[in-house]
């Protein structure tokens, strides 16, 4: 299974998502903001960011990591999918999402673009 870093500003969201993914067998780490997430990015396979990519924090994470996402790949959980083409290694999943949808995205090898199943 994957090493997953969950970046979310709300502790309840981080813990709930972490518990679900840990139950699926993933190793979980947490960050409450972009700076802490960026510091741990090299230690994980996947970053799951419960941040809107159009906010300051979302853009900062995207700008910081999009050039170097060989791993880790970056999955945004967002209410609106941004227009345009996602950078390589970046996936946008529209909320609400099903656990199976997130699990498939974490396991997906390409990590590209919008998830059309949303």
N, C-alpha and C. Protein backbone atom coordinates (compact mmCIF):
# COMPACT_ATOMS: atom_id res chain seq x y z
N UNK A 1 0.83 -1.19 0.00
CA UNK A 1 0.00 0.00 0.00
C UNK A 1 0.88 1.25 0.00
N UNK A 2 0.24 2.39 -0.14
CA UNK A 2 0.95 3.66 -0.31
C UNK A 2 1.15 4.40 1.00
N UNK A 3 2.21 5.21 1.03
CA UNK A 3 2.39 6.19 2.09
C UNK A 3 1.65 7.45 1.65
N UNK A 4 0.66 7.87 2.44
CA UNK A 4 -0.21 8.98 2.07
C UNK A 4 -0.06 10.11 3.08
N UNK A 5 0.17 11.31 2.57
CA UNK A 5 0.19 12.52 3.39
C UNK A 5 -1.12 13.25 3.17
N UNK A 6 -1.85 13.50 4.25
CA UNK A 6 -3.12 14.22 4.16
C UNK A 6 -2.88 15.65 4.63
N UNK A 7 -3.16 16.60 3.73
CA UNK A 7 -3.02 18.02 4.05
C UNK A 7 -4.43 18.61 4.10
N UNK A 8 -4.82 19.08 5.28
CA UNK A 8 -6.13 19.70 5.46
C UNK A 8 -6.06 20.61 6.67
N UNK A 9 -6.72 21.74 6.58
CA UNK A 9 -6.64 22.71 7.68
C UNK A 9 -7.46 22.27 8.89
N UNK A 10 -8.52 21.51 8.66
CA UNK A 10 -9.37 21.08 9.79
C UNK A 10 -8.91 19.72 10.31
N UNK A 11 -8.63 19.67 11.60
CA UNK A 11 -8.16 18.44 12.23
C UNK A 11 -9.16 17.30 12.08
N UNK A 12 -10.45 17.58 12.24
CA UNK A 12 -11.46 16.53 12.11
C UNK A 12 -11.43 15.90 10.72
N UNK A 13 -11.25 16.71 9.69
CA UNK A 13 -11.17 16.20 8.32
C UNK A 13 -9.94 15.32 8.13
N UNK A 14 -8.80 15.79 8.65
CA UNK A 14 -7.56 14.99 8.53
C UNK A 14 -7.72 13.64 9.21
N UNK A 15 -8.24 13.64 10.41
CA UNK A 15 -8.36 12.39 11.17
C UNK A 15 -9.35 11.43 10.51
N UNK A 16 -10.51 11.94 10.10
CA UNK A 16 -11.52 11.06 9.48
C UNK A 16 -10.98 10.44 8.20
N UNK A 17 -10.38 11.25 7.35
CA UNK A 17 -9.84 10.74 6.10
C UNK A 17 -8.68 9.77 6.37
N UNK A 18 -7.85 10.12 7.33
CA UNK A 18 -6.73 9.24 7.68
C UNK A 18 -7.20 7.90 8.21
N UNK A 19 -8.22 7.91 9.05
CA UNK A 19 -8.75 6.65 9.58
C UNK A 19 -9.29 5.77 8.46
N UNK A 20 -10.02 6.37 7.53
CA UNK A 20 -10.57 5.59 6.40
C UNK A 20 -9.46 4.97 5.56
N UNK A 21 -8.45 5.77 5.24
CA UNK A 21 -7.37 5.25 4.40
C UNK A 21 -6.48 4.27 5.15
N UNK A 22 -6.29 4.47 6.45
CA UNK A 22 -5.52 3.51 7.24
C UNK A 22 -6.24 2.17 7.29
N UNK A 23 -7.57 2.20 7.38
CA UNK A 23 -8.35 0.96 7.36
C UNK A 23 -8.18 0.20 6.04
N UNK A 24 -7.85 0.95 4.98
CA UNK A 24 -7.61 0.33 3.67
C UNK A 24 -6.17 -0.17 3.53
N UNK A 25 -5.36 0.04 4.57
CA UNK A 25 -4.00 -0.48 4.56
C UNK A 25 -2.91 0.52 4.25
N UNK A 26 -3.26 1.78 4.08
CA UNK A 26 -2.25 2.80 3.77
C UNK A 26 -1.56 3.29 5.03
N UNK A 27 -0.31 3.69 4.87
CA UNK A 27 0.43 4.34 5.95
C UNK A 27 0.14 5.84 5.84
N UNK A 28 -0.29 6.45 6.94
CA UNK A 28 -0.81 7.82 6.91
C UNK A 28 0.08 8.76 7.70
N UNK A 29 0.28 9.96 7.13
CA UNK A 29 0.91 11.06 7.83
C UNK A 29 0.01 12.28 7.64
N UNK A 30 0.14 13.27 8.50
CA UNK A 30 -0.75 14.42 8.48
C UNK A 30 0.02 15.72 8.44
N UNK A 31 -0.57 16.73 7.79
CA UNK A 31 -0.06 18.09 7.83
C UNK A 31 -1.25 19.03 7.89
N UNK A 32 -1.14 20.05 8.73
CA UNK A 32 -2.27 20.97 8.88
C UNK A 32 -2.15 22.19 7.98
N UNK A 33 -1.03 22.32 7.28
CA UNK A 33 -0.90 23.44 6.34
C UNK A 33 0.10 23.09 5.25
N UNK A 34 0.18 23.96 4.28
CA UNK A 34 1.03 23.71 3.11
C UNK A 34 2.50 23.63 3.49
N UNK A 35 2.96 24.49 4.38
CA UNK A 35 4.37 24.47 4.74
C UNK A 35 4.77 23.14 5.36
N UNK A 36 3.97 22.63 6.28
CA UNK A 36 4.28 21.33 6.89
C UNK A 36 4.15 20.20 5.87
N UNK A 37 3.17 20.32 4.98
CA UNK A 37 3.01 19.31 3.94
C UNK A 37 4.18 19.27 2.98
N UNK A 38 4.63 20.44 2.57
CA UNK A 38 5.77 20.52 1.64
C UNK A 38 7.03 19.93 2.27
N UNK A 39 7.19 20.13 3.57
CA UNK A 39 8.37 19.60 4.25
C UNK A 39 8.38 18.07 4.28
N UNK A 40 7.21 17.44 4.22
CA UNK A 40 7.13 15.98 4.29
C UNK A 40 6.89 15.32 2.93
N UNK A 41 6.75 16.11 1.89
CA UNK A 41 6.35 15.57 0.58
C UNK A 41 7.30 14.50 0.05
N UNK A 42 8.58 14.65 0.26
CA UNK A 42 9.54 13.69 -0.27
C UNK A 42 9.47 12.34 0.42
N UNK A 43 8.77 12.26 1.56
CA UNK A 43 8.73 11.03 2.34
C UNK A 43 7.50 10.17 2.05
N UNK A 44 6.64 10.61 1.11
CA UNK A 44 5.39 9.89 0.84
C UNK A 44 5.24 9.59 -0.65
N UNK A 45 4.28 8.69 -0.94
CA UNK A 45 3.97 8.36 -2.33
C UNK A 45 2.91 9.28 -2.91
N UNK A 46 1.96 9.67 -2.06
CA UNK A 46 0.79 10.44 -2.51
C UNK A 46 0.48 11.52 -1.48
N UNK A 47 0.13 12.71 -1.98
CA UNK A 47 -0.39 13.78 -1.13
C UNK A 47 -1.86 13.95 -1.45
N UNK A 48 -2.71 13.84 -0.44
CA UNK A 48 -4.14 14.10 -0.59
C UNK A 48 -4.41 15.43 0.10
N UNK A 49 -4.78 16.43 -0.68
CA UNK A 49 -4.98 17.78 -0.15
C UNK A 49 -6.46 18.12 -0.16
N UNK A 50 -7.02 18.30 1.02
CA UNK A 50 -8.41 18.73 1.13
C UNK A 50 -8.41 20.26 1.10
N UNK A 51 -7.99 20.79 -0.03
CA UNK A 51 -7.84 22.22 -0.26
C UNK A 51 -8.36 22.55 -1.65
N UNK A 52 -8.95 23.70 -1.80
CA UNK A 52 -9.33 24.14 -3.14
C UNK A 52 -8.06 24.59 -3.87
N UNK A 53 -7.82 24.09 -5.08
CA UNK A 53 -6.60 24.47 -5.79
C UNK A 53 -6.56 25.94 -6.19
N UNK A 54 -7.69 26.63 -6.12
CA UNK A 54 -7.73 28.04 -6.49
C UNK A 54 -7.48 28.96 -5.30
N UNK A 55 -7.39 28.43 -4.08
CA UNK A 55 -7.08 29.25 -2.91
C UNK A 55 -5.58 29.46 -2.83
N UNK A 56 -5.18 30.37 -1.96
CA UNK A 56 -3.75 30.62 -1.78
C UNK A 56 -3.02 29.34 -1.40
N UNK A 57 -3.54 28.62 -0.42
CA UNK A 57 -2.88 27.40 0.05
C UNK A 57 -2.82 26.34 -1.04
N UNK A 58 -3.91 26.18 -1.76
CA UNK A 58 -3.93 25.20 -2.85
C UNK A 58 -2.94 25.54 -3.94
N UNK A 59 -2.91 26.80 -4.34
CA UNK A 59 -1.96 27.22 -5.38
C UNK A 59 -0.52 27.05 -4.91
N UNK A 60 -0.27 27.36 -3.63
CA UNK A 60 1.09 27.22 -3.10
C UNK A 60 1.54 25.77 -3.15
N UNK A 61 0.68 24.85 -2.79
CA UNK A 61 1.03 23.43 -2.83
C UNK A 61 1.20 22.97 -4.27
N UNK A 62 0.32 23.39 -5.13
CA UNK A 62 0.40 23.02 -6.54
C UNK A 62 1.67 23.58 -7.18
N UNK A 63 1.96 24.86 -6.94
CA UNK A 63 3.14 25.48 -7.53
C UNK A 63 4.43 24.87 -7.00
N UNK A 64 4.43 24.55 -5.72
CA UNK A 64 5.63 24.00 -5.11
C UNK A 64 5.93 22.61 -5.60
N UNK A 65 4.92 21.78 -5.80
CA UNK A 65 5.15 20.38 -6.08
C UNK A 65 4.94 19.96 -7.53
N UNK A 66 4.28 20.75 -8.34
CA UNK A 66 3.91 20.25 -9.66
C UNK A 66 5.12 19.92 -10.52
N UNK A 67 6.24 20.58 -10.32
CA UNK A 67 7.42 20.29 -11.12
C UNK A 67 8.14 19.03 -10.66
N UNK A 68 7.86 18.57 -9.46
CA UNK A 68 8.62 17.45 -8.91
C UNK A 68 7.72 16.35 -8.39
N UNK A 69 6.65 16.05 -9.08
CA UNK A 69 5.72 15.04 -8.60
C UNK A 69 5.92 13.70 -9.28
N UNK A 70 7.12 13.21 -9.29
CA UNK A 70 7.36 11.93 -9.90
C UNK A 70 6.78 10.80 -9.08
N UNK A 71 7.21 10.50 -7.88
CA UNK A 71 6.31 10.71 -6.77
C UNK A 71 6.78 11.87 -5.94
N UNK A 72 5.98 12.42 -5.07
CA UNK A 72 4.60 12.00 -4.84
C UNK A 72 3.67 12.63 -5.86
N UNK A 73 2.57 11.94 -6.10
CA UNK A 73 1.53 12.59 -6.89
C UNK A 73 0.63 13.35 -5.93
N UNK A 74 -0.12 14.28 -6.47
CA UNK A 74 -0.91 15.20 -5.67
C UNK A 74 -2.38 15.07 -6.06
N UNK A 75 -3.23 14.76 -5.09
CA UNK A 75 -4.66 14.62 -5.31
C UNK A 75 -5.37 15.71 -4.52
N UNK A 76 -6.07 16.59 -5.23
CA UNK A 76 -6.87 17.62 -4.59
C UNK A 76 -8.31 17.13 -4.44
N UNK A 77 -8.88 17.29 -3.25
CA UNK A 77 -10.31 17.04 -3.03
C UNK A 77 -10.95 18.42 -3.03
N UNK A 78 -11.77 18.72 -4.03
CA UNK A 78 -12.24 20.09 -4.19
C UNK A 78 -13.71 20.13 -4.63
N UNK A 79 -14.34 21.26 -4.39
CA UNK A 79 -15.75 21.41 -4.77
C UNK A 79 -15.91 21.77 -6.23
N UNK A 80 -14.89 22.38 -6.81
CA UNK A 80 -14.92 22.74 -8.24
C UNK A 80 -13.61 22.34 -8.88
N UNK A 81 -13.72 21.71 -10.04
CA UNK A 81 -12.53 21.31 -10.79
C UNK A 81 -12.03 22.53 -11.56
N UNK A 82 -10.77 22.91 -11.41
CA UNK A 82 -10.26 24.07 -12.15
C UNK A 82 -10.24 23.80 -13.65
N UNK A 83 -10.41 24.86 -14.41
CA UNK A 83 -10.36 24.74 -15.87
C UNK A 83 -8.92 24.54 -16.32
N UNK A 84 -8.81 23.97 -17.50
CA UNK A 84 -7.48 23.76 -18.07
C UNK A 84 -6.97 22.37 -17.79
N UNK A 85 -5.77 22.14 -18.22
CA UNK A 85 -5.14 20.83 -18.10
C UNK A 85 -4.36 20.78 -16.79
N UNK A 86 -4.55 19.71 -16.08
CA UNK A 86 -3.81 19.53 -14.82
C UNK A 86 -2.36 19.20 -15.14
N UNK A 87 -1.45 19.71 -14.34
CA UNK A 87 -0.04 19.35 -14.52
C UNK A 87 0.16 17.85 -14.33
N UNK A 88 1.19 17.28 -14.92
CA UNK A 88 1.47 15.86 -14.69
C UNK A 88 1.61 15.57 -13.20
N UNK A 89 1.04 14.47 -12.77
CA UNK A 89 1.13 14.08 -11.38
C UNK A 89 0.06 14.68 -10.49
N UNK A 90 -0.86 15.46 -11.06
CA UNK A 90 -1.90 16.12 -10.27
C UNK A 90 -3.26 15.61 -10.71
N UNK A 91 -4.10 15.28 -9.75
CA UNK A 91 -5.45 14.79 -10.01
C UNK A 91 -6.42 15.61 -9.17
N UNK A 92 -7.54 16.00 -9.76
CA UNK A 92 -8.59 16.72 -9.05
C UNK A 92 -9.80 15.81 -8.91
N UNK A 93 -10.27 15.61 -7.69
CA UNK A 93 -11.48 14.84 -7.43
C UNK A 93 -12.52 15.78 -6.86
N UNK A 94 -13.71 15.74 -7.44
CA UNK A 94 -14.79 16.63 -7.00
C UNK A 94 -15.51 16.03 -5.79
N UNK A 95 -15.71 16.89 -4.77
CA UNK A 95 -16.47 16.50 -3.58
C UNK A 95 -17.95 16.50 -3.89
N UNK A 96 -18.74 15.68 -3.25
CA UNK A 96 -18.31 14.63 -2.33
C UNK A 96 -17.72 13.46 -3.10
N UNK A 97 -16.79 12.79 -2.49
CA UNK A 97 -16.18 11.64 -3.15
C UNK A 97 -16.49 10.38 -2.35
N UNK A 98 -16.46 9.28 -3.05
CA UNK A 98 -16.62 7.98 -2.40
C UNK A 98 -15.23 7.45 -2.05
N UNK A 99 -15.14 6.69 -0.99
CA UNK A 99 -13.86 6.11 -0.58
C UNK A 99 -13.26 5.29 -1.72
N UNK A 100 -14.09 4.57 -2.45
CA UNK A 100 -13.60 3.76 -3.56
C UNK A 100 -12.96 4.63 -4.65
N UNK A 101 -13.53 5.80 -4.87
CA UNK A 101 -13.00 6.73 -5.86
C UNK A 101 -11.61 7.22 -5.43
N UNK A 102 -11.46 7.58 -4.16
CA UNK A 102 -10.17 8.04 -3.66
C UNK A 102 -9.16 6.89 -3.66
N UNK A 103 -9.60 5.72 -3.25
CA UNK A 103 -8.72 4.55 -3.24
C UNK A 103 -8.19 4.27 -4.65
N UNK A 104 -9.06 4.35 -5.64
CA UNK A 104 -8.64 4.13 -7.03
C UNK A 104 -7.65 5.20 -7.47
N UNK A 105 -7.88 6.44 -7.07
CA UNK A 105 -6.97 7.53 -7.45
C UNK A 105 -5.60 7.35 -6.80
N UNK A 106 -5.58 6.91 -5.57
CA UNK A 106 -4.30 6.68 -4.89
C UNK A 106 -3.55 5.54 -5.58
N UNK A 107 -4.26 4.52 -5.98
CA UNK A 107 -3.63 3.38 -6.62
C UNK A 107 -3.32 3.56 -8.09
N UNK A 108 -3.91 4.56 -8.71
CA UNK A 108 -3.71 4.80 -10.14
C UNK A 108 -2.27 5.20 -10.40
N UNK A 109 -1.70 4.63 -11.42
CA UNK A 109 -0.30 4.90 -11.72
C UNK A 109 -0.03 6.21 -12.43
N UNK A 110 -0.97 6.73 -13.21
CA UNK A 110 -0.65 7.90 -14.01
C UNK A 110 -0.76 9.21 -13.24
N UNK A 111 -1.73 9.33 -12.32
CA UNK A 111 -1.88 10.53 -11.53
C UNK A 111 -2.12 11.77 -12.36
N UNK A 112 -2.80 11.65 -13.52
CA UNK A 112 -2.97 12.79 -14.40
C UNK A 112 -4.44 13.20 -14.49
N UNK A 113 -4.63 14.51 -14.54
CA UNK A 113 -5.91 15.10 -14.94
C UNK A 113 -7.06 14.92 -13.98
N UNK A 114 -8.24 15.27 -14.47
CA UNK A 114 -9.47 15.22 -13.69
C UNK A 114 -10.02 13.81 -13.69
N UNK A 115 -10.60 13.40 -12.60
CA UNK A 115 -11.25 12.11 -12.53
C UNK A 115 -12.63 12.25 -13.16
N UNK A 116 -12.86 11.63 -14.29
CA UNK A 116 -14.11 11.78 -15.03
C UNK A 116 -15.28 11.06 -14.36
N UNK A 117 -15.00 10.18 -13.42
CA UNK A 117 -16.08 9.45 -12.76
C UNK A 117 -16.82 10.30 -11.72
N UNK A 118 -16.27 11.43 -11.41
CA UNK A 118 -16.86 12.29 -10.37
C UNK A 118 -18.17 12.89 -10.82
